[in-house]
Amino acid sequence: NGEVERSFELDESMHLAKFQIGADRRTFVGQAGPTYGRWEISTGGVIEDWTVPEQPYGEQMRSYGRYSFGGLVLGGSRLYRFDQTHPAKRLPDESIDWGQFDLLLEDWTTQRVTNRLPIPYPDHFTVADVVDDRTLAVVTSDDWHTRASKRLDPGSTYLLIWDVATGWERLRVTRRRPDYFAAFSVAAITPDVRLAATGSQRTQIEIWNGFTGELIQKFNAPID
């Protein structure tokens, strides 16, 4: 009937960003200005919150700038961001070392990094909607722009699924990326992790076996 069921109080000058429903479907997490919070849906109450310290100018506060990037995963229990452990460089034989990137997961309630997950490169990076607070699925691709500008091999696109509690990479699907739109652009995964889905080429949907990585079905959606 369009009636408001419950209101959740925020500072009037703030908007809710980095929103994600909890894995239990009873809470949600969001960022309002410098504050991260978890709200209980049934009561509207704040269960836990943490505010980024005030950031005066100075080298000692630089580390808090990391909260301006990334987003929420695993039902809002973690923040994610990228860490480039070493940059790309040209090797003596004229080949290119594309460097190393890690996907960092941080418990925002304790500001502690809980996982460092290696990824090929954070291009076209997208996180699948929450399934639970243990399984993380993403799609990502190799660097397209640098490779294209240098007329190099365009690289590959990837579907990655992890068991976050152990850091085990449950599944990696690697596919050649012959053109820009061939990259995986969106991902989804079933609650039992038996099936994963990716989108590419604007309208193409692929269904994958979540255990073996076998392509089960492929079809086109009616719109982009």
Protein backbone atom coordinates (compact mmCIF):
# COMPACT_ATOMS: atom_id res chain seq x y z
CA ASN A 1 0.00 0.00 0.00
CA GLY A 2 3.01 2.32 -0.15
CA GLU A 3 3.16 3.08 3.57
CA VAL A 4 6.52 3.49 5.26
CA GLU A 5 7.11 0.45 7.47
CA ARG A 6 10.17 1.74 9.30
CA SER A 7 12.52 4.70 9.21
CA PHE A 8 16.23 4.57 10.00
CA GLU A 9 17.75 7.72 11.43
CA LEU A 10 20.73 9.32 9.71
CA ASP A 11 22.27 12.74 10.04
CA GLU A 12 20.27 15.08 7.80
CA SER A 13 23.38 16.03 5.86
CA MET A 14 24.36 12.42 5.15
CA HIS A 15 23.28 9.88 2.56
CA LEU A 16 23.57 6.11 2.88
CA ALA A 17 26.35 4.68 0.74
CA LYS A 18 28.02 1.27 0.29
CA PHE A 19 24.76 -0.43 1.25
CA GLN A 20 24.43 -4.21 1.58
CA ILE A 21 21.81 -6.52 3.07
CA GLY A 22 23.18 -8.89 5.71
CA ALA A 23 23.60 -12.57 4.93
CA ASP A 24 20.95 -13.30 7.59
CA ARG A 25 18.48 -10.94 5.84
CA ARG A 26 17.75 -9.42 9.25
CA THR A 27 20.25 -6.59 9.13
CA PHE A 28 21.84 -4.21 6.67
CA VAL A 29 25.13 -2.34 6.61
CA GLY A 30 25.80 1.04 5.14
CA GLN A 31 28.07 4.05 5.31
CA ALA A 32 26.67 7.44 6.28
CA GLY A 33 29.36 10.07 5.92
CA PRO A 34 32.40 8.88 7.92
CA THR A 35 30.38 6.28 9.88
CA TYR A 36 29.83 2.61 9.07
CA GLY A 37 26.87 0.97 10.80
CA ARG A 38 24.78 -2.16 10.96
CA TRP A 39 21.06 -1.66 11.46
CA GLU A 40 18.50 -4.22 12.59
CA ILE A 41 15.67 -4.20 10.07
CA SER A 42 12.88 -5.23 12.47
CA THR A 43 13.56 -2.54 15.09
CA GLY A 44 15.50 0.13 13.23
CA GLY A 45 18.16 0.05 15.92
CA VAL A 46 21.90 0.36 15.33
CA ILE A 47 23.65 -2.87 16.32
CA GLU A 48 27.22 -1.70 15.79
CA ASP A 49 28.98 1.26 14.25
CA TRP A 50 32.42 2.70 13.69
CA THR A 51 33.45 6.18 12.58
CA VAL A 52 36.57 6.94 10.57
CA PRO A 53 38.74 9.26 12.70
CA GLU A 54 38.77 12.92 11.78
CA GLN A 55 41.40 13.38 9.12
CA PRO A 56 43.52 16.48 9.63
CA TYR A 57 46.21 17.15 7.10
CA GLY A 58 49.24 15.07 7.85
CA GLU A 59 51.09 11.94 6.87
CA GLN A 60 49.86 10.06 9.95
CA MET A 61 46.26 10.08 8.68
CA ARG A 62 47.00 8.89 5.15
CA SER A 63 46.08 5.28 5.93
CA TYR A 64 42.44 6.24 6.54
CA GLY A 65 42.14 7.32 2.92
CA ARG A 66 41.67 3.64 2.07
CA TYR A 67 38.06 3.87 3.21
CA SER A 68 37.25 6.08 0.23
CA PHE A 69 37.62 3.13 -2.15
CA GLY A 70 36.10 -0.30 -2.61
CA GLY A 71 32.81 -1.38 -1.12
CA LEU A 72 31.04 -3.93 1.06
CA VAL A 73 30.97 -7.72 0.66
CA LEU A 74 29.84 -10.79 2.60
CA GLY A 75 26.65 -9.26 3.95
CA GLY A 76 28.41 -6.06 4.89
CA SER A 77 30.79 -7.85 7.25
CA ARG A 78 33.84 -6.85 5.19
CA LEU A 79 35.12 -3.88 3.25
CA TYR A 80 37.11 -4.64 0.13
CA ARG A 81 39.87 -2.75 -1.62
CA PHE A 82 42.86 -3.46 -3.89
CA ASP A 83 46.52 -3.53 -2.98
CA GLN A 84 49.15 -3.49 -5.72
CA THR A 85 52.00 -5.47 -4.21
CA HIS A 86 54.33 -4.68 -7.09
CA PRO A 87 53.81 -2.55 -10.21
CA ALA A 88 53.99 -3.64 -13.82
CA LYS A 89 57.35 -3.37 -15.55
CA ARG A 90 59.05 -4.14 -18.84
CA LEU A 91 61.45 -7.09 -18.61
CA PRO A 92 64.85 -7.32 -20.36
CA ASP A 93 63.43 -9.66 -23.01
CA GLU A 94 60.82 -6.95 -23.85
CA SER A 95 57.97 -8.95 -22.31
CA ILE A 96 55.84 -7.33 -19.59
CA ASP A 97 55.47 -8.35 -15.98
CA TRP A 98 51.92 -7.14 -15.28
CA GLY A 99 52.55 -6.87 -11.55
CA GLN A 100 50.56 -8.33 -8.70
CA PHE A 101 47.26 -7.23 -7.18
CA ASP A 102 45.61 -8.53 -4.03
CA LEU A 103 41.97 -8.19 -3.06
CA LEU A 104 41.96 -7.18 0.61
CA LEU A 105 38.99 -7.89 2.88
CA GLU A 106 38.80 -5.88 6.09
CA ASP A 107 36.53 -6.28 9.11
CA TRP A 108 35.34 -2.70 9.49
CA THR A 109 34.36 -3.24 13.14
CA THR A 110 37.98 -3.96 14.08
CA GLN A 111 39.84 -2.36 11.12
CA ARG A 112 41.68 -5.66 10.68
CA VAL A 113 42.48 -7.23 7.28
CA THR A 114 41.12 -10.77 7.38
CA ASN A 115 41.96 -11.93 3.84
CA ARG A 116 44.49 -11.16 1.14
CA LEU A 117 43.28 -12.85 -2.05
CA PRO A 118 45.45 -12.67 -5.20
CA ILE A 119 43.71 -11.56 -8.39
CA PRO A 120 45.13 -11.20 -11.92
CA TYR A 121 44.18 -7.53 -12.39
CA PRO A 122 41.24 -5.34 -11.19
CA ASP A 123 39.75 -4.44 -14.58
CA HIS A 124 35.95 -4.76 -15.01
CA PHE A 125 35.92 -5.88 -11.36
CA THR A 126 32.46 -6.75 -10.00
CA VAL A 127 31.33 -8.55 -6.84
CA ALA A 128 28.42 -11.00 -6.89
CA ASP A 129 25.47 -10.21 -4.63
CA VAL A 130 25.77 -11.67 -1.14
CA VAL A 131 25.13 -15.40 -0.76
CA ASP A 132 26.39 -15.86 2.78
CA ASP A 133 29.20 -14.53 4.94
CA ARG A 134 31.64 -17.26 3.88
CA THR A 135 31.58 -17.42 0.06
CA LEU A 136 32.84 -14.61 -2.16
CA ALA A 137 32.44 -14.56 -5.95
CA VAL A 138 33.87 -11.88 -8.25
CA VAL A 139 34.62 -11.30 -11.91
CA THR A 140 37.70 -9.43 -13.04
CA SER A 141 39.86 -9.07 -16.15
CA ASP A 142 43.38 -8.32 -17.32
CA ASP A 143 44.40 -4.74 -18.14
CA TRP A 144 42.64 -3.91 -21.41
CA HIS A 145 43.65 -0.30 -22.04
CA THR A 146 47.41 -0.72 -21.62
CA ARG A 147 47.44 -3.89 -23.69
CA ALA A 148 45.36 -2.31 -26.47
CA SER A 149 47.49 0.85 -26.60
CA LYS A 150 50.62 -1.27 -27.04
CA ARG A 151 48.95 -3.65 -29.52
CA LEU A 152 49.52 -6.60 -27.20
CA ASP A 153 47.60 -9.78 -26.49
CA PRO A 154 44.28 -8.57 -24.96
CA GLY A 155 44.53 -11.05 -22.08
CA SER A 156 41.78 -12.93 -20.28
CA THR A 157 38.71 -12.49 -18.09
CA TYR A 158 38.07 -14.44 -14.89
CA LEU A 159 35.36 -15.75 -12.59
CA LEU A 160 36.77 -16.38 -9.08
CA ILE A 161 35.04 -17.96 -6.08
CA TRP A 162 36.64 -18.24 -2.61
CA ASP A 163 35.86 -19.86 0.70
CA VAL A 164 36.71 -16.82 2.80
CA ALA A 165 37.08 -18.66 6.12
CA THR A 166 40.04 -20.65 4.80
CA GLY A 167 41.15 -18.50 1.85
CA TRP A 168 40.65 -21.50 -0.45
CA GLU A 169 40.05 -20.58 -4.08
CA ARG A 170 37.10 -22.84 -4.81
CA LEU A 171 36.85 -22.06 -8.50
CA ARG A 172 38.63 -20.11 -11.22
CA VAL A 173 37.18 -19.86 -14.71
CA THR A 174 39.59 -18.26 -17.20
CA ARG A 175 38.44 -17.22 -20.66
CA ARG A 176 40.21 -15.39 -23.45
CA ARG A 177 39.16 -11.78 -23.96
CA PRO A 178 39.35 -11.07 -27.69
CA ASP A 179 37.70 -7.65 -27.41
CA TYR A 180 36.60 -5.12 -24.79
CA PHE A 181 33.04 -6.40 -24.38
CA ALA A 182 34.09 -10.03 -24.01
CA ALA A 183 35.04 -9.34 -20.39
CA PHE A 184 32.77 -10.71 -17.68
CA SER A 185 30.80 -7.69 -16.48
CA VAL A 186 28.52 -9.11 -13.79
CA ALA A 187 28.32 -12.24 -11.64
CA ALA A 188 25.79 -14.16 -9.57
CA ILE A 189 25.98 -17.36 -7.54
CA THR A 190 23.37 -19.66 -6.03
CA PRO A 191 23.24 -20.09 -2.22
CA ASP A 192 24.49 -23.69 -2.49
CA VAL A 193 27.34 -22.57 -4.79
CA ARG A 194 26.34 -25.24 -7.32
CA LEU A 195 25.80 -22.69 -10.09
CA ALA A 196 27.43 -19.40 -11.02
CA ALA A 197 26.37 -16.97 -13.73
CA THR A 198 28.28 -14.31 -15.63
CA GLY A 199 27.32 -11.67 -18.17
CA SER A 200 29.40 -10.49 -21.13
CA GLN A 201 29.10 -9.05 -24.65
CA ARG A 202 26.30 -6.79 -23.31
CA THR A 203 23.57 -9.42 -23.60
CA GLN A 204 25.25 -12.80 -23.22
CA ILE A 205 24.59 -14.87 -20.07
CA GLU A 206 26.72 -17.89 -19.16
CA ILE A 207 25.81 -20.51 -16.55
CA TRP A 208 28.74 -22.39 -14.96
CA ASN A 209 29.07 -25.46 -12.78
CA GLY A 210 30.18 -23.98 -9.44
CA PHE A 211 32.40 -26.96 -8.62
CA THR A 212 34.05 -27.87 -11.93
CA GLY A 213 33.88 -24.61 -13.91
CA GLU A 214 32.14 -26.37 -16.81
CA LEU A 215 30.01 -24.13 -19.03
CA ILE A 216 26.49 -25.55 -18.73
CA GLN A 217 24.41 -23.11 -20.73
CA LYS A 218 24.73 -19.88 -22.72
CA PHE A 219 21.99 -17.59 -23.99
CA ASN A 220 21.28 -13.96 -24.84
CA ALA A 221 19.16 -11.63 -22.77
CA PRO A 222 16.63 -9.43 -24.62
CA ILE A 223 18.31 -6.15 -23.55
CA ASP A 224 21.78 -4.98 -22.47
